[in-house]
Amino acid sequence: MKIAIIGQKTVPFIGGRGGGIERHVEELSTRLVADGHEVFVYSRGYLMEKKIREYKGVKILYTPSIPTKNLDTITHVLFSTLHVLFKKVDVIHYHGVGPSTLSWIPRIFKPHTKIIVTFHSIDRFHKKWGAFARWYLGLGEWTAVHFPHACIAVSKSIQQYCRHVFNKEVIYIPNGTDLHKIGEAHDNRIRPFGISKDSYILTVARLIKHKGIHYLIEAYKKLEKIHGTDPKNWPGGEIRKLTIVGAPSYSDDYLDYLKKIAAGSSNIIFVGFQQGETLAQLFANAYLYVHPSEAEGLSITILEAMSYGTCVLVSNIPENLESIDHAGFTFESKNVNDLYEMLVYLLDFPESVKMHGEKALTFIKKNFNWGDIVADIEKVYANKQG
């Protein structure tokens, strides 16, 4: 099949310029090519230092956009949609509810092409958007379940949301992650940050407000305030640094705020966007992974942490509960005191942390293997599901 993918910023996924959708599309598109399909991915050229035309067999097409917070995505999707009308493709796959608002165009003007939308998250709940953008994203939810031939939800929570709000059945196919051989993890890439095996608590996210990193910093600062600077007084008898991985996305003011509330602590470190072997070592060597988000679709970074056998502690929003089942720990979303109490408990009981890390890896192998996920999406393309 010939497949066009629209809605993401770029492929390949590049530092600080994308999130879960971009990582999802990279994994999906490269695996579709490996399965024998011809795949075209629309990217935003201004984000690339050097434009490439092909990546792991995926053909990269560049269309313009108006690169502002509110207009970047929708204008890029518009130009990409107009472009794809003149290409011979079997499937057009839109990613995100905002992009889905334009999926009616190929439904009308390319009636023999299969139109698919993946509903990644309920974006209108994200705090970075203003009133009009939230309204438009709400409209996008409606279009995501009404305009395409099939809508894919990356979480069961979103599937249930569509059923309850729109009385529509959508197809559940989750995000995935690679499986990793768990052994003696190298730490040569992370030692320059002042951390090593089991010496730190990790969080990985775009630095935008609804990811809740400020709650984690506040809980960690409470640890420092109560337990002081002597490791003997800390839970577990060791001070484990808080390592924050990620970059802002039209949210430099939020990064400034995070650094302001972290000021005065030498144990809170910001290492910026990381990828490749450095990110792998960060996941593999962390004592604990914490994800304090207020809203998600299905977090790929939680899945990644679990795929390295790392114990996870997540906010108790439905999407996060779904991603860990009973293989990790939770705290009440937005509740700094509850997060603090869970950190104390997990720092005090490394045996439980290790056991749940092993349990997490088993859960990932069973439920979030990219090979199985891509096969299910191919069935949707072929109209064998949905």
Protein backbone atom coordinates (compact mmCIF):
# COMPACT_ATOMS: atom_id res chain seq x y z
CA MET A 1 0.00 0.00 0.00
CA LYS A 2 0.95 3.65 -0.45
CA ILE A 3 0.39 5.51 2.83
CA ALA A 4 0.56 9.25 3.56
CA ILE A 5 0.89 10.41 7.17
CA ILE A 6 -0.11 13.96 8.19
CA GLY A 7 -0.22 15.89 11.48
CA GLN A 8 3.20 15.34 13.07
CA LYS A 9 5.98 17.94 13.13
CA THR A 10 8.85 15.93 11.71
CA VAL A 11 10.32 12.54 11.03
CA PRO A 12 12.84 11.68 12.29
CA PHE A 13 12.01 12.78 15.82
CA ILE A 14 14.43 15.59 16.70
CA GLY A 15 15.50 17.27 19.90
CA GLY A 16 13.01 19.50 21.64
CA ARG A 17 10.77 19.76 18.57
CA GLY A 18 8.26 17.05 19.10
CA GLY A 19 6.53 14.78 21.54
CA GLY A 20 4.59 11.55 21.69
CA ILE A 21 2.94 11.94 18.28
CA GLU A 22 6.28 12.41 16.53
CA ARG A 23 7.78 9.39 18.23
CA HIS A 24 4.69 7.33 17.43
CA VAL A 25 4.80 8.30 13.75
CA GLU A 26 8.51 7.53 13.44
CA GLU A 27 8.05 4.07 14.91
CA LEU A 28 4.95 3.40 12.82
CA SER A 29 6.25 4.71 9.49
CA THR A 30 9.63 2.97 9.59
CA ARG A 31 8.02 -0.34 10.50
CA LEU A 32 5.43 0.03 7.74
CA VAL A 33 8.28 0.44 5.26
CA ALA A 34 9.96 -2.68 6.68
CA ASP A 35 6.69 -4.52 6.03
CA GLY A 36 6.82 -3.55 2.35
CA HIS A 37 4.63 -0.45 2.20
CA GLU A 38 5.53 2.84 0.55
CA VAL A 39 5.19 5.59 3.17
CA PHE A 40 5.14 9.38 2.77
CA VAL A 41 5.44 11.52 5.90
CA TYR A 42 4.72 15.25 5.78
CA SER A 43 7.22 17.30 7.79
CA ARG A 44 7.86 20.96 8.64
CA GLY A 45 11.05 22.03 6.94
CA TYR A 46 11.80 24.98 9.19
CA LEU A 47 12.46 22.57 12.07
CA MET A 48 15.19 20.73 10.18
CA GLU A 49 18.77 21.98 10.10
CA LYS A 50 19.19 20.00 6.89
CA LYS A 51 16.26 18.75 4.89
CA ILE A 52 16.42 15.04 4.18
CA ARG A 53 14.26 13.34 1.60
CA GLU A 54 14.30 9.84 3.03
CA TYR A 55 14.68 8.29 6.47
CA LYS A 56 14.95 4.51 6.90
CA GLY A 57 13.00 4.11 3.67
CA VAL A 58 10.29 6.63 4.65
CA LYS A 59 9.89 9.37 2.05
CA ILE A 60 9.88 12.83 3.67
CA LEU A 61 7.73 15.54 2.07
CA TYR A 62 7.96 19.19 3.13
CA THR A 63 5.05 21.60 3.08
CA PRO A 64 4.92 25.12 4.54
CA SER A 65 3.23 26.39 7.68
CA ILE A 66 2.81 29.58 9.67
CA PRO A 67 5.20 28.76 12.54
CA THR A 68 3.33 30.20 15.51
CA LYS A 69 1.92 28.40 18.53
CA ASN A 70 -1.70 28.45 17.31
CA LEU A 71 -1.25 28.28 13.53
CA ASP A 72 1.74 26.00 12.96
CA THR A 73 -0.04 22.66 13.02
CA ILE A 74 -3.28 23.56 11.28
CA THR A 75 -1.62 25.46 8.41
CA HIS A 76 0.88 22.66 7.89
CA VAL A 77 -1.95 20.12 7.83
CA LEU A 78 -3.87 22.27 5.33
CA PHE A 79 -0.96 22.53 2.89
CA SER A 80 -0.14 18.84 3.36
CA THR A 81 -3.76 17.87 2.70
CA LEU A 82 -3.90 19.94 -0.49
CA HIS A 83 -0.62 18.39 -1.61
CA VAL A 84 -1.72 14.80 -1.00
CA LEU A 85 -4.84 15.31 -3.13
CA PHE A 86 -2.55 15.11 -6.15
CA LYS A 87 -0.67 11.99 -5.02
CA LYS A 88 -1.73 8.44 -5.68
CA VAL A 89 -2.07 6.91 -2.22
CA ASP A 90 -4.23 4.19 -0.74
CA VAL A 91 -4.36 5.54 2.83
CA ILE A 92 -4.14 9.00 4.38
CA HIS A 93 -3.50 8.77 8.10
CA TYR A 94 -4.03 11.91 10.22
CA HIS A 95 -2.51 12.08 13.70
CA GLY A 96 -4.22 14.21 16.34
CA VAL A 97 -7.68 15.70 16.76
CA GLY A 98 -6.64 19.13 15.49
CA PRO A 99 -5.46 17.76 12.12
CA SER A 100 -8.61 15.64 11.85
CA THR A 101 -10.68 18.79 11.27
CA LEU A 102 -9.37 18.84 7.68
CA SER A 103 -9.87 15.14 6.99
CA TRP A 104 -13.16 15.96 5.26
CA ILE A 105 -11.21 17.34 2.30
CA PRO A 106 -9.83 14.01 1.07
CA ARG A 107 -13.09 12.28 2.03
CA ILE A 108 -14.76 14.44 -0.64
CA PHE A 109 -12.00 14.89 -3.21
CA LYS A 110 -10.29 11.46 -2.92
CA PRO A 111 -13.31 9.22 -2.34
CA HIS A 112 -11.43 5.99 -3.09
CA THR A 113 -8.69 6.65 -0.52
CA LYS A 114 -8.98 5.25 3.00
CA ILE A 115 -8.93 8.02 5.63
CA ILE A 116 -7.75 7.16 9.15
CA VAL A 117 -7.39 9.36 12.25
CA THR A 118 -5.48 8.50 15.40
CA PHE A 119 -6.92 10.18 18.52
CA HIS A 120 -3.78 10.64 20.64
CA SER A 121 -5.09 12.72 23.53
CA ILE A 122 -7.86 15.02 24.66
CA ASP A 123 -5.80 18.07 23.75
CA ARG A 124 -8.31 20.72 24.80
CA PHE A 125 -7.52 19.94 28.44
CA HIS A 126 -3.91 21.01 27.95
CA LYS A 127 -3.23 24.25 29.78
CA LYS A 128 -1.08 25.80 27.06
CA TRP A 129 -4.14 26.50 24.87
CA GLY A 130 -6.37 29.57 24.97
CA ALA A 131 -10.18 29.57 24.78
CA PHE A 132 -10.49 29.53 20.98
CA ALA A 133 -7.88 26.79 20.59
CA ARG A 134 -9.69 24.67 23.20
CA TRP A 135 -12.96 25.14 21.33
CA TYR A 136 -11.32 24.18 18.05
CA LEU A 137 -9.74 21.08 19.61
CA GLY A 138 -13.15 20.11 20.97
CA LEU A 139 -14.45 20.36 17.42
CA GLY A 140 -11.50 18.20 16.40
CA GLU A 141 -12.66 15.45 18.74
CA TRP A 142 -16.01 15.38 16.95
CA THR A 143 -14.39 15.33 13.51
CA ALA A 144 -11.98 12.58 14.58
CA VAL A 145 -14.84 10.16 15.15
CA HIS A 146 -17.13 11.33 12.31
CA PHE A 147 -15.01 12.25 9.28
CA PRO A 148 -12.59 9.32 8.72
CA HIS A 149 -13.36 5.77 7.68
CA ALA A 150 -11.86 4.64 10.99
CA CYS A 151 -10.65 6.30 14.19
CA ILE A 152 -7.93 4.73 16.34
CA ALA A 153 -7.67 5.56 20.07
CA VAL A 154 -4.30 5.05 21.73
CA SER A 155 -5.87 4.32 25.12
CA LYS A 156 -8.94 2.55 26.40
CA SER A 157 -9.78 5.74 28.30
CA ILE A 158 -10.03 7.66 25.03
CA GLN A 159 -12.03 4.80 23.49
CA GLN A 160 -14.51 5.00 26.39
CA TYR A 161 -14.57 8.81 26.14
CA CYS A 162 -15.60 8.60 22.47
CA ARG A 163 -18.28 6.07 23.32
CA HIS A 164 -19.66 8.18 26.16
CA VAL A 165 -19.42 11.67 24.60
CA PHE A 166 -20.08 10.91 20.92
CA ASN A 167 -21.81 7.52 21.05
CA LYS A 168 -19.19 6.29 18.61
CA GLU A 169 -17.12 3.11 18.64
CA VAL A 170 -13.45 3.64 17.83
CA ILE A 171 -10.64 1.11 17.58
CA TYR A 172 -8.24 0.71 20.49
CA ILE A 173 -4.60 0.32 19.41
CA PRO A 174 -2.11 1.63 21.98
CA ASN A 175 1.25 3.30 21.71
CA GLY A 176 4.18 0.94 21.93
CA THR A 177 7.81 0.72 22.90
CA ASP A 178 10.86 -1.30 21.98
CA LEU A 179 11.87 -4.17 24.21
CA HIS A 180 15.31 -3.96 25.79
CA LYS A 181 17.78 -6.52 27.05
CA ILE A 182 18.10 -5.81 30.73
CA GLY A 183 21.58 -6.39 32.05
CA GLU A 184 24.43 -4.35 33.44
CA ALA A 185 23.56 -0.93 32.05
CA HIS A 186 26.37 1.34 30.91
CA ASP A 187 26.42 4.82 32.45
CA ASN A 188 29.30 6.52 30.62
CA ARG A 189 26.92 8.94 28.85
CA ILE A 190 25.23 10.11 32.05
CA ARG A 191 28.20 10.48 34.39
CA PRO A 192 28.90 14.01 33.06
CA PHE A 193 25.51 14.95 34.58
CA GLY A 194 26.80 13.89 37.99
CA ILE A 195 24.64 10.77 38.18
CA SER A 196 25.18 7.01 37.98
CA LYS A 197 23.31 3.73 38.44
CA ASP A 198 20.44 4.06 40.98
CA SER A 199 21.60 7.52 42.10
CA TYR A 200 18.67 9.52 40.72
CA ILE A 201 14.93 9.86 40.22
CA LEU A 202 14.04 10.48 36.58
CA THR A 203 11.29 12.27 34.70
CA VAL A 204 11.13 12.72 30.92
CA ALA A 205 8.61 15.05 29.26
CA ARG A 206 8.09 18.11 27.15
CA LEU A 207 8.34 20.99 29.61
CA ILE A 208 4.76 22.19 29.33
CA LYS A 209 2.46 22.86 32.25
CA HIS A 210 0.07 19.90 32.00
CA LYS A 211 3.02 17.50 32.36
CA GLY A 212 3.04 18.52 36.04
CA ILE A 213 6.81 18.74 36.54
CA HIS A 214 6.26 21.57 39.04
CA TYR A 215 4.46 19.15 41.38
CA LEU A 216 7.46 16.81 41.28
CA ILE A 217 9.91 19.62 42.01
CA GLU A 218 7.77 20.83 44.92
CA ALA A 219 7.59 17.30 46.38
CA TYR A 220 11.33 16.87 45.99
CA LYS A 221 12.01 20.22 47.64
CA LYS A 222 9.87 19.03 50.53
CA LEU A 223 12.14 15.99 50.81
CA GLU A 224 15.14 18.30 51.05
CA LYS A 225 13.44 20.59 53.57
CA ILE A 226 12.40 17.77 55.90
CA HIS A 227 15.40 15.47 55.58
CA GLY A 228 18.18 18.02 55.14
CA THR A 229 21.55 17.52 53.46
CA ASP A 230 22.86 14.55 55.45
CA PRO A 231 22.27 11.29 53.49
CA LYS A 232 21.84 9.44 56.80
CA ASN A 233 18.61 11.38 57.39
CA TRP A 234 17.15 10.62 53.97
CA PRO A 235 14.76 7.72 53.27
CA GLY A 236 16.93 4.78 52.27
CA GLY A 237 20.04 6.49 53.66
CA GLU A 238 20.98 8.09 50.34
CA ILE A 239 20.26 11.35 48.54
CA ARG A 240 19.06 10.53 45.03
CA LYS A 241 19.08 13.47 42.64
CA LEU A 242 16.04 14.55 40.66
CA THR A 243 16.95 14.48 36.96
CA ILE A 244 14.61 16.33 34.58
CA VAL A 245 14.88 15.49 30.89
CA GLY A 246 13.06 17.56 28.28
CA ALA A 247 12.72 20.86 26.48
CA PRO A 248 9.94 23.45 26.30
CA SER A 249 7.43 23.55 23.45
CA TYR A 250 6.32 27.18 23.02
CA SER A 251 6.64 27.24 26.81
CA ASP A 252 9.92 28.92 27.74
CA ASP A 253 8.10 30.78 30.51
CA TYR A 254 7.24 27.45 32.13
CA LEU A 255 10.86 26.31 31.98
CA ASP A 256 11.85 29.58 33.66
CA TYR A 257 9.24 28.89 36.36
CA LEU A 258 10.57 25.36 36.94
CA LYS A 259 14.11 26.63 37.32
CA LYS A 260 12.89 29.32 39.70
CA ILE A 261 11.18 26.87 42.06
CA ALA A 262 14.16 24.50 41.81
CA ALA A 263 16.63 27.26 42.67
CA GLY A 264 18.81 26.62 45.70
CA SER A 265 18.94 22.85 45.22
CA SER A 266 22.08 21.26 43.82
CA ASN A 267 20.22 17.95 43.68
CA ILE A 268 17.72 19.01 40.99
CA ILE A 269 19.34 18.91 37.56
CA PHE A 270 17.95 19.90 34.17
CA VAL A 271 19.70 18.02 31.36
CA GLY A 272 17.62 19.28 28.43
CA PHE A 273 16.36 17.15 25.57
CA GLN A 274 18.15 13.81 25.24
CA GLN A 275 17.83 10.95 22.79
CA GLY A 276 19.63 7.86 21.53
CA GLU A 277 22.12 6.13 23.80
CA THR A 278 22.11 8.92 26.38
CA LEU A 279 18.35 8.67 26.87
CA ALA A 280 18.59 4.88 26.97
CA GLN A 281 21.15 5.08 29.76
CA LEU A 282 19.02 7.57 31.65
CA PHE A 283 16.05 5.18 31.60
CA ALA A 284 18.09 2.05 32.31
CA ASN A 285 20.03 3.43 35.29
CA ALA A 286 17.27 5.37 37.08
CA TYR A 287 16.29 4.23 40.56
CA LEU A 288 12.71 5.40 39.92
CA TYR A 289 10.80 7.02 37.08
CA VAL A 290 8.11 9.60 38.00
CA HIS A 291 5.43 10.92 35.63
CA PRO A 292 3.25 13.59 37.33
CA SER A 293 1.12 14.65 34.35
CA GLU A 294 -2.39 16.10 34.62
CA ALA A 295 -3.46 14.94 31.14
CA GLU A 296 -2.23 12.31 28.68
CA GLY A 297 -3.21 10.16 25.76
CA LEU A 298 -1.02 7.18 26.55
CA SER A 299 2.46 8.28 27.62
CA ILE A 300 5.25 6.72 25.57
CA THR A 301 7.83 7.77 28.16
CA ILE A 302 6.07 5.72 30.87
CA LEU A 303 6.13 2.72 28.55
CA GLU A 304 9.79 3.33 27.75
CA ALA A 305 10.77 3.48 31.42
CA MET A 306 8.95 0.22 32.08
CA SER A 307 10.59 -1.40 29.04
CA TYR A 308 13.97 -0.92 30.76
CA GLY A 309 12.72 -2.63 33.90
CA THR A 310 12.55 0.68 35.79
CA CYS A 311 9.94 1.10 38.50
CA VAL A 312 7.40 3.84 37.76
CA LEU A 313 5.39 6.23 39.92
CA VAL A 314 2.63 8.05 38.05
CA SER A 315 -0.26 10.42 38.72
CA ASN A 316 -3.55 8.56 39.01
CA ILE A 317 -5.25 9.93 35.88
CA PRO A 318 -7.05 7.14 33.96
CA GLU A 319 -4.59 7.09 31.05
CA ASN A 320 -1.61 6.62 33.37
CA LEU A 321 -3.38 3.92 35.37
CA GLU A 322 -4.02 2.11 32.12
CA SER A 323 -0.39 2.30 31.06
CA ILE A 324 0.91 0.62 34.23
CA ASP A 325 -2.02 -1.61 35.24
CA HIS A 326 -0.72 -2.94 38.60
CA ALA A 327 2.94 -2.93 37.58
CA GLY A 328 3.80 0.41 39.20
CA PHE A 329 2.81 2.93 41.85
CA THR A 330 0.47 5.93 41.80
CA PHE A 331 -0.21 9.14 43.66
CA GLU A 332 -3.16 11.51 43.59
CA SER A 333 -2.82 13.86 40.63
CA LYS A 334 -1.76 17.43 41.57
CA ASN A 335 -1.31 16.39 45.23
CA VAL A 336 2.22 17.37 46.25
CA ASN A 337 1.90 15.87 49.73
CA ASP A 338 0.77 12.51 48.40
CA LEU A 339 3.62 12.52 45.87
CA TYR A 340 6.06 13.31 48.69
CA GLU A 341 4.73 10.42 50.79
CA MET A 342 5.11 8.00 47.87
CA LEU A 343 8.66 9.18 47.22
CA VAL A 344 9.52 8.57 50.88
CA TYR A 345 8.03 5.08 50.74
CA LEU A 346 9.81 4.11 47.51
CA LEU A 347 13.15 5.51 48.63
CA ASP A 348 12.80 3.52 51.84
CA PHE A 349 11.98 0.19 50.15
CA PRO A 350 14.37 -0.58 47.28
CA GLU A 351 13.28 -4.23 47.25
CA SER A 352 9.75 -3.18 46.29
CA VAL A 353 11.14 -0.82 43.66
CA LYS A 354 13.19 -3.61 42.08
CA MET A 355 10.29 -6.08 42.16
CA HIS A 356 7.90 -3.65 40.47
CA GLY A 357 10.51 -2.80 37.85
CA GLU A 358 10.68 -6.46 36.88
CA LYS A 359 6.89 -6.65 36.89
CA ALA A 360 6.72 -3.58 34.64
CA LEU A 361 8.99 -5.17 32.05
CA THR A 362 6.82 -8.30 31.93
CA PHE A 363 3.69 -6.17 31.49
CA ILE A 364 5.26 -4.21 28.61
CA LYS A 365 6.35 -7.35 26.77
CA LYS A 366 2.80 -8.65 26.89
CA ASN A 367 0.84 -5.51 26.01
CA PHE A 368 2.88 -2.82 24.22
CA ASN A 369 5.08 -4.50 21.61
CA TRP A 370 5.44 -2.29 18.51
CA GLY A 371 5.42 -5.31 16.21
CA ASP A 372 1.92 -6.31 17.30
CA ILE A 373 0.71 -2.71 17.27
CA VAL A 374 1.82 -2.03 13.68
CA ALA A 375 0.21 -5.29 12.57
CA ASP A 376 -3.09 -4.14 14.08
CA ILE A 377 -2.85 -0.76 12.32
CA GLU A 378 -2.18 -2.54 9.01
CA LYS A 379 -5.43 -4.46 9.53
CA VAL A 380 -7.26 -1.14 9.87
CA TYR A 381 -5.66 0.08 6.63
CA ALA A 382 -6.75 -3.11 4.89
CA ASN A 383 -10.25 -2.74 6.36
CA LYS A 384 -9.96 -6.02 8.25
CA GLN A 385 -10.74 -4.30 11.52
CA GLY A 386 -13.10 -1.47 12.39
